[in-house]
Amino acid sequence: MKTTLEQAGIFPTLSVGEVARRSGVPVSTLHFYETKGLISSSRTQGNQRRYARDVLRRVAFIRVAQRVGIALSDIEAALATLPTAAAPGREDWQRLSTAWRADLDERMAQLKKLRDTLDDCIGCGCLSIDRCRLRNPLDKLATKGPGPQRLWIGRQEE
């Protein structure tokens, strides 16, 4: 016997194509997410993938987290704290986003510093730009280690 939702053409599971269309994520990406254990599906007798409807929220969760720069391994760890058969709710998102806030704040500060100094110096200590002598007299940055020393957030300039 069909439920009221099924009578209206709304079925409890979605095909991979339907999930791709509704989420805006290519089928290949859904398959990738599934191999990483971020989402799961069941199989029909004809071996076709079927996803529970809550997968749409999980995919949205993954996409938003990726969009703000959260590493896939961190997203995986976060999703592991959620029930596998339920969509993440507002409280889940608040708890997880709060845990990511410090990392995001640090990355935002790093990007702002890069933006603000990009046209002046790349912070490498290479002395190849005519102004570097003023910013890095006698190549003092070489003693600080490799890389763009002036651009790393959390390192003190002398």
C-alpha atoms as a PDB file:
ATOM      1  CA  MET A   1       0.000   0.000   0.000  1.00  0.00           C
ATOM      2  CA  LYS A   2       1.369   3.398  -0.991  1.00  0.00           C
ATOM      3  CA  THR A   3       1.779   6.174   1.537  1.00  0.00           C
ATOM      4  CA  THR A   4       0.300   9.606   0.955  1.00  0.00           C
ATOM      5  CA  LEU A   5       3.707  10.911  -0.143  1.00  0.00           C
ATOM      6  CA  GLU A   6       4.139   8.071  -2.617  1.00  0.00           C
ATOM      7  CA  GLN A   7       0.662   8.745  -3.973  1.00  0.00           C
ATOM      8  CA  ALA A   8       1.830  12.307  -4.618  1.00  0.00           C
ATOM      9  CA  GLY A   9       4.874  10.988  -6.499  1.00  0.00           C
ATOM     10  CA  ILE A  10       7.328  11.605  -3.650  1.00  0.00           C
ATOM     11  CA  PHE A  11       9.225   8.411  -2.955  1.00  0.00           C
ATOM     12  CA  PRO A  12      11.378   7.722   0.126  1.00  0.00           C
ATOM     13  CA  THR A  13      14.496   7.142  -1.980  1.00  0.00           C
ATOM     14  CA  LEU A  14      16.136   8.977  -4.858  1.00  0.00           C
ATOM     15  CA  SER A  15      18.171   7.702  -7.777  1.00  0.00           C
ATOM     16  CA  VAL A  16      21.740   8.936  -8.198  1.00  0.00           C
ATOM     17  CA  GLY A  17      20.566  11.098 -11.108  1.00  0.00           C
ATOM     18  CA  GLU A  18      17.849  12.675  -8.975  1.00  0.00           C
ATOM     19  CA  VAL A  19      20.303  13.415  -6.169  1.00  0.00           C
ATOM     20  CA  ALA A  20      22.716  14.940  -8.693  1.00  0.00           C
ATOM     21  CA  ARG A  21      19.995  17.134 -10.187  1.00  0.00           C
ATOM     22  CA  ARG A  22      18.593  18.238  -6.829  1.00  0.00           C
ATOM     23  CA  SER A  23      21.972  18.865  -5.166  1.00  0.00           C
ATOM     24  CA  GLY A  24      23.781  20.378  -8.136  1.00  0.00           C
ATOM     25  CA  VAL A  25      26.609  17.871  -7.701  1.00  0.00           C
ATOM     26  CA  PRO A  26      27.782  15.674 -10.598  1.00  0.00           C
ATOM     27  CA  VAL A  27      27.098  11.946 -10.375  1.00  0.00           C
ATOM     28  CA  SER A  28      30.853  11.306 -10.301  1.00  0.00           C
ATOM     29  CA  THR A  29      31.153  13.506  -7.201  1.00  0.00           C
ATOM     30  CA  LEU A  30      28.352  11.584  -5.483  1.00  0.00           C
ATOM     31  CA  HIS A  31      30.181   8.352  -6.249  1.00  0.00           C
ATOM     32  CA  PHE A  32      33.383   9.895  -4.829  1.00  0.00           C
ATOM     33  CA  TYR A  33      31.573  10.994  -1.656  1.00  0.00           C
ATOM     34  CA  GLU A  34      30.205   7.497  -1.314  1.00  0.00           C
ATOM     35  CA  THR A  35      33.629   5.847  -1.690  1.00  0.00           C
ATOM     36  CA  LYS A  36      34.900   8.199   1.040  1.00  0.00           C
ATOM     37  CA  GLY A  37      32.019   7.154   3.316  1.00  0.00           C
ATOM     38  CA  LEU A  38      30.505  10.651   3.441  1.00  0.00           C
ATOM     39  CA  ILE A  39      27.168   9.446   2.067  1.00  0.00           C
ATOM     40  CA  SER A  40      25.660   6.008   1.566  1.00  0.00           C
ATOM     41  CA  SER A  41      23.168   4.322  -0.688  1.00  0.00           C
ATOM     42  CA  SER A  42      21.324   1.066  -0.918  1.00  0.00           C
ATOM     43  CA  ARG A  43      20.941  -1.054  -4.036  1.00  0.00           C
ATOM     44  CA  THR A  44      17.800  -2.159  -5.820  1.00  0.00           C
ATOM     45  CA  GLN A  45      17.354  -5.691  -7.117  1.00  0.00           C
ATOM     46  CA  GLY A  46      18.633  -4.341 -10.427  1.00  0.00           C
ATOM     47  CA  ASN A  47      21.790  -3.057  -8.634  1.00  0.00           C
ATOM     48  CA  GLN A  48      20.861   0.612  -9.028  1.00  0.00           C
ATOM     49  CA  ARG A  49      21.837   3.042  -6.279  1.00  0.00           C
ATOM     50  CA  ARG A  50      19.055   4.512  -4.167  1.00  0.00           C
ATOM     51  CA  TYR A  51      19.644   7.272  -1.645  1.00  0.00           C
ATOM     52  CA  ALA A  52      17.473   8.186   1.312  1.00  0.00           C
ATOM     53  CA  ARG A  53      16.092  11.716   0.947  1.00  0.00           C
ATOM     54  CA  ASP A  54      18.219  12.977   3.845  1.00  0.00           C
ATOM     55  CA  VAL A  55      21.289  12.568   1.627  1.00  0.00           C
ATOM     56  CA  LEU A  56      20.385  15.916   0.043  1.00  0.00           C
ATOM     57  CA  ARG A  57      21.094  17.707   3.315  1.00  0.00           C
ATOM     58  CA  ARG A  58      24.304  15.744   3.852  1.00  0.00           C
ATOM     59  CA  VAL A  59      25.509  16.702   0.365  1.00  0.00           C
ATOM     60  CA  ALA A  60      24.589  20.351   1.022  1.00  0.00           C
ATOM     61  CA  PHE A  61      26.515  20.137   4.304  1.00  0.00           C
ATOM     62  CA  ILE A  62      29.581  18.759   2.485  1.00  0.00           C
ATOM     63  CA  ARG A  63      29.406  21.403  -0.255  1.00  0.00           C
ATOM     64  CA  VAL A  64      29.081  24.314   2.180  1.00  0.00           C
ATOM     65  CA  ALA A  65      31.941  23.020   4.317  1.00  0.00           C
ATOM     66  CA  GLN A  66      34.140  22.559   1.234  1.00  0.00           C
ATOM     67  CA  ARG A  67      33.192  26.002  -0.048  1.00  0.00           C
ATOM     68  CA  VAL A  68      34.537  27.663   3.105  1.00  0.00           C
ATOM     69  CA  GLY A  69      37.745  25.644   2.842  1.00  0.00           C
ATOM     70  CA  ILE A  70      37.211  22.815   5.306  1.00  0.00           C
ATOM     71  CA  ALA A  71      39.370  19.834   4.364  1.00  0.00           C
ATOM     72  CA  LEU A  72      37.528  16.718   3.237  1.00  0.00           C
ATOM     73  CA  SER A  73      39.148  14.744   6.054  1.00  0.00           C
ATOM     74  CA  ASP A  74      37.710  17.227   8.593  1.00  0.00           C
ATOM     75  CA  ILE A  75      34.296  16.992   6.938  1.00  0.00           C
ATOM     76  CA  GLU A  76      34.523  13.218   7.124  1.00  0.00           C
ATOM     77  CA  ALA A  77      35.393  13.373  10.824  1.00  0.00           C
ATOM     78  CA  ALA A  78      32.493  15.768  11.446  1.00  0.00           C
ATOM     79  CA  LEU A  79      29.992  13.591   9.587  1.00  0.00           C
ATOM     80  CA  ALA A  80      31.188  10.585  11.586  1.00  0.00           C
ATOM     81  CA  THR A  81      29.773  12.294  14.698  1.00  0.00           C
ATOM     82  CA  LEU A  82      26.297  12.418  13.138  1.00  0.00           C
ATOM     83  CA  PRO A  83      23.765   9.611  12.862  1.00  0.00           C
ATOM     84  CA  THR A  84      24.209   7.878   9.508  1.00  0.00           C
ATOM     85  CA  ALA A  85      20.486   7.581   8.872  1.00  0.00           C
ATOM     86  CA  ALA A  86      19.517  11.170   9.615  1.00  0.00           C
ATOM     87  CA  ALA A  87      20.065  14.530   8.016  1.00  0.00           C
ATOM     88  CA  PRO A  88      22.246  16.996   9.916  1.00  0.00           C
ATOM     89  CA  GLY A  89      20.092  19.544  11.682  1.00  0.00           C
ATOM     90  CA  ARG A  90      20.598  23.144  12.747  1.00  0.00           C
ATOM     91  CA  GLU A  91      22.129  22.110  16.072  1.00  0.00           C
ATOM     92  CA  ASP A  92      24.567  19.779  14.304  1.00  0.00           C
ATOM     93  CA  TRP A  93      25.669  22.517  11.913  1.00  0.00           C
ATOM     94  CA  GLN A  94      26.071  25.008  14.783  1.00  0.00           C
ATOM     95  CA  ARG A  95      28.182  22.582  16.819  1.00  0.00           C
ATOM     96  CA  LEU A  96      30.418  21.659  13.898  1.00  0.00           C
ATOM     97  CA  SER A  97      30.785  25.166  12.502  1.00  0.00           C
ATOM     98  CA  THR A  98      31.736  26.437  15.959  1.00  0.00           C
ATOM     99  CA  ALA A  99      34.504  23.838  16.080  1.00  0.00           C
ATOM    100  CA  TRP A 100      35.803  25.085  12.697  1.00  0.00           C
ATOM    101  CA  ARG A 101      35.575  28.794  13.545  1.00  0.00           C
ATOM    102  CA  ALA A 102      39.143  29.275  14.877  1.00  0.00           C
ATOM    103  CA  ASP A 103      40.652  27.608  11.808  1.00  0.00           C
ATOM    104  CA  LEU A 104      38.477  29.717   9.504  1.00  0.00           C
ATOM    105  CA  ASP A 105      39.401  32.908  11.374  1.00  0.00           C
ATOM    106  CA  GLU A 106      43.102  32.116  10.984  1.00  0.00           C
ATOM    107  CA  ARG A 107      42.723  31.399   7.267  1.00  0.00           C
ATOM    108  CA  MET A 108      40.732  34.610   6.776  1.00  0.00           C
ATOM    109  CA  ALA A 109      43.472  36.615   8.484  1.00  0.00           C
ATOM    110  CA  GLN A 110      46.056  34.899   6.268  1.00  0.00           C
ATOM    111  CA  LEU A 111      44.077  35.730   3.127  1.00  0.00           C
ATOM    112  CA  LYS A 112      43.588  39.359   4.190  1.00  0.00           C
ATOM    113  CA  LYS A 113      47.299  39.762   4.823  1.00  0.00           C
ATOM    114  CA  LEU A 114      48.089  38.212   1.444  1.00  0.00           C
ATOM    115  CA  ARG A 115      45.564  40.487  -0.280  1.00  0.00           C
ATOM    116  CA  ASP A 116      46.902  43.617   1.406  1.00  0.00           C
ATOM    117  CA  THR A 117      50.553  42.931   0.570  1.00  0.00           C
ATOM    118  CA  LEU A 118      50.214  41.104  -2.725  1.00  0.00           C
ATOM    119  CA  ASP A 119      51.141  44.055  -4.929  1.00  0.00           C
ATOM    120  CA  ASP A 120      54.066  45.083  -2.712  1.00  0.00           C
ATOM    121  CA  CYS A 121      55.909  41.936  -1.710  1.00  0.00           C
ATOM    122  CA  ILE A 122      55.342  38.219  -1.638  1.00  0.00           C
ATOM    123  CA  GLY A 123      57.173  37.996   1.677  1.00  0.00           C
ATOM    124  CA  CYS A 124      59.754  35.497   0.531  1.00  0.00           C
ATOM    125  CA  GLY A 125      62.905  37.365   1.567  1.00  0.00           C
ATOM    126  CA  CYS A 126      64.395  36.895  -1.890  1.00  0.00           C
ATOM    127  CA  LEU A 127      65.670  40.469  -2.341  1.00  0.00           C
ATOM    128  CA  SER A 128      64.647  40.327  -6.013  1.00  0.00           C
ATOM    129  CA  ILE A 129      62.233  43.263  -5.865  1.00  0.00           C
ATOM    130  CA  ASP A 130      63.789  46.714  -5.538  1.00  0.00           C
ATOM    131  CA  ARG A 131      61.831  47.412  -2.346  1.00  0.00           C
ATOM    132  CA  CYS A 132      62.869  44.213  -0.601  1.00  0.00           C
ATOM    133  CA  ARG A 133      66.056  45.862   0.702  1.00  0.00           C
ATOM    134  CA  LEU A 134      63.817  48.129   2.770  1.00  0.00           C
ATOM    135  CA  ARG A 135      61.584  45.340   4.022  1.00  0.00           C
ATOM    136  CA  ASN A 136      64.326  42.772   4.511  1.00  0.00           C
ATOM    137  CA  PRO A 137      67.642  44.569   5.132  1.00  0.00           C
ATOM    138  CA  LEU A 138      70.677  42.299   4.965  1.00  0.00           C
ATOM    139  CA  ASP A 139      68.340  39.369   4.264  1.00  0.00           C
ATOM    140  CA  LYS A 140      67.390  38.989   7.954  1.00  0.00           C
ATOM    141  CA  LEU A 141      64.408  36.835   6.967  1.00  0.00           C
ATOM    142  CA  ALA A 142      66.742  34.044   5.848  1.00  0.00           C
ATOM    143  CA  THR A 143      67.375  33.251   9.505  1.00  0.00           C
ATOM    144  CA  LYS A 144      63.611  32.776  10.098  1.00  0.00           C
ATOM    145  CA  GLY A 145      63.406  29.743   7.818  1.00  0.00           C
ATOM    146  CA  PRO A 146      62.061  28.984   4.359  1.00  0.00           C
ATOM    147  CA  GLY A 147      59.008  30.393   2.687  1.00  0.00           C
ATOM    148  CA  PRO A 148      57.139  33.706   2.725  1.00  0.00           C
ATOM    149  CA  GLN A 149      58.056  34.666   6.297  1.00  0.00           C
ATOM    150  CA  ARG A 150      56.337  38.065   6.294  1.00  0.00           C
ATOM    151  CA  LEU A 151      53.031  36.579   5.192  1.00  0.00           C
ATOM    152  CA  TRP A 152      52.673  33.743   7.685  1.00  0.00           C
ATOM    153  CA  ILE A 153      50.069  34.645  10.291  1.00  0.00           C
ATOM    154  CA  GLY A 154      51.255  34.150  13.848  1.00  0.00           C
ATOM    155  CA  ARG A 155      54.929  34.840  13.125  1.00  0.00           C
ATOM    156  CA  GLN A 156      56.444  37.994  14.547  1.00  0.00           C
ATOM    157  CA  GLU A 157      58.343  40.449  12.345  1.00  0.00           C
ATOM    158  CA  GLU A 158      61.487  42.019  13.752  1.00  0.00           C
END
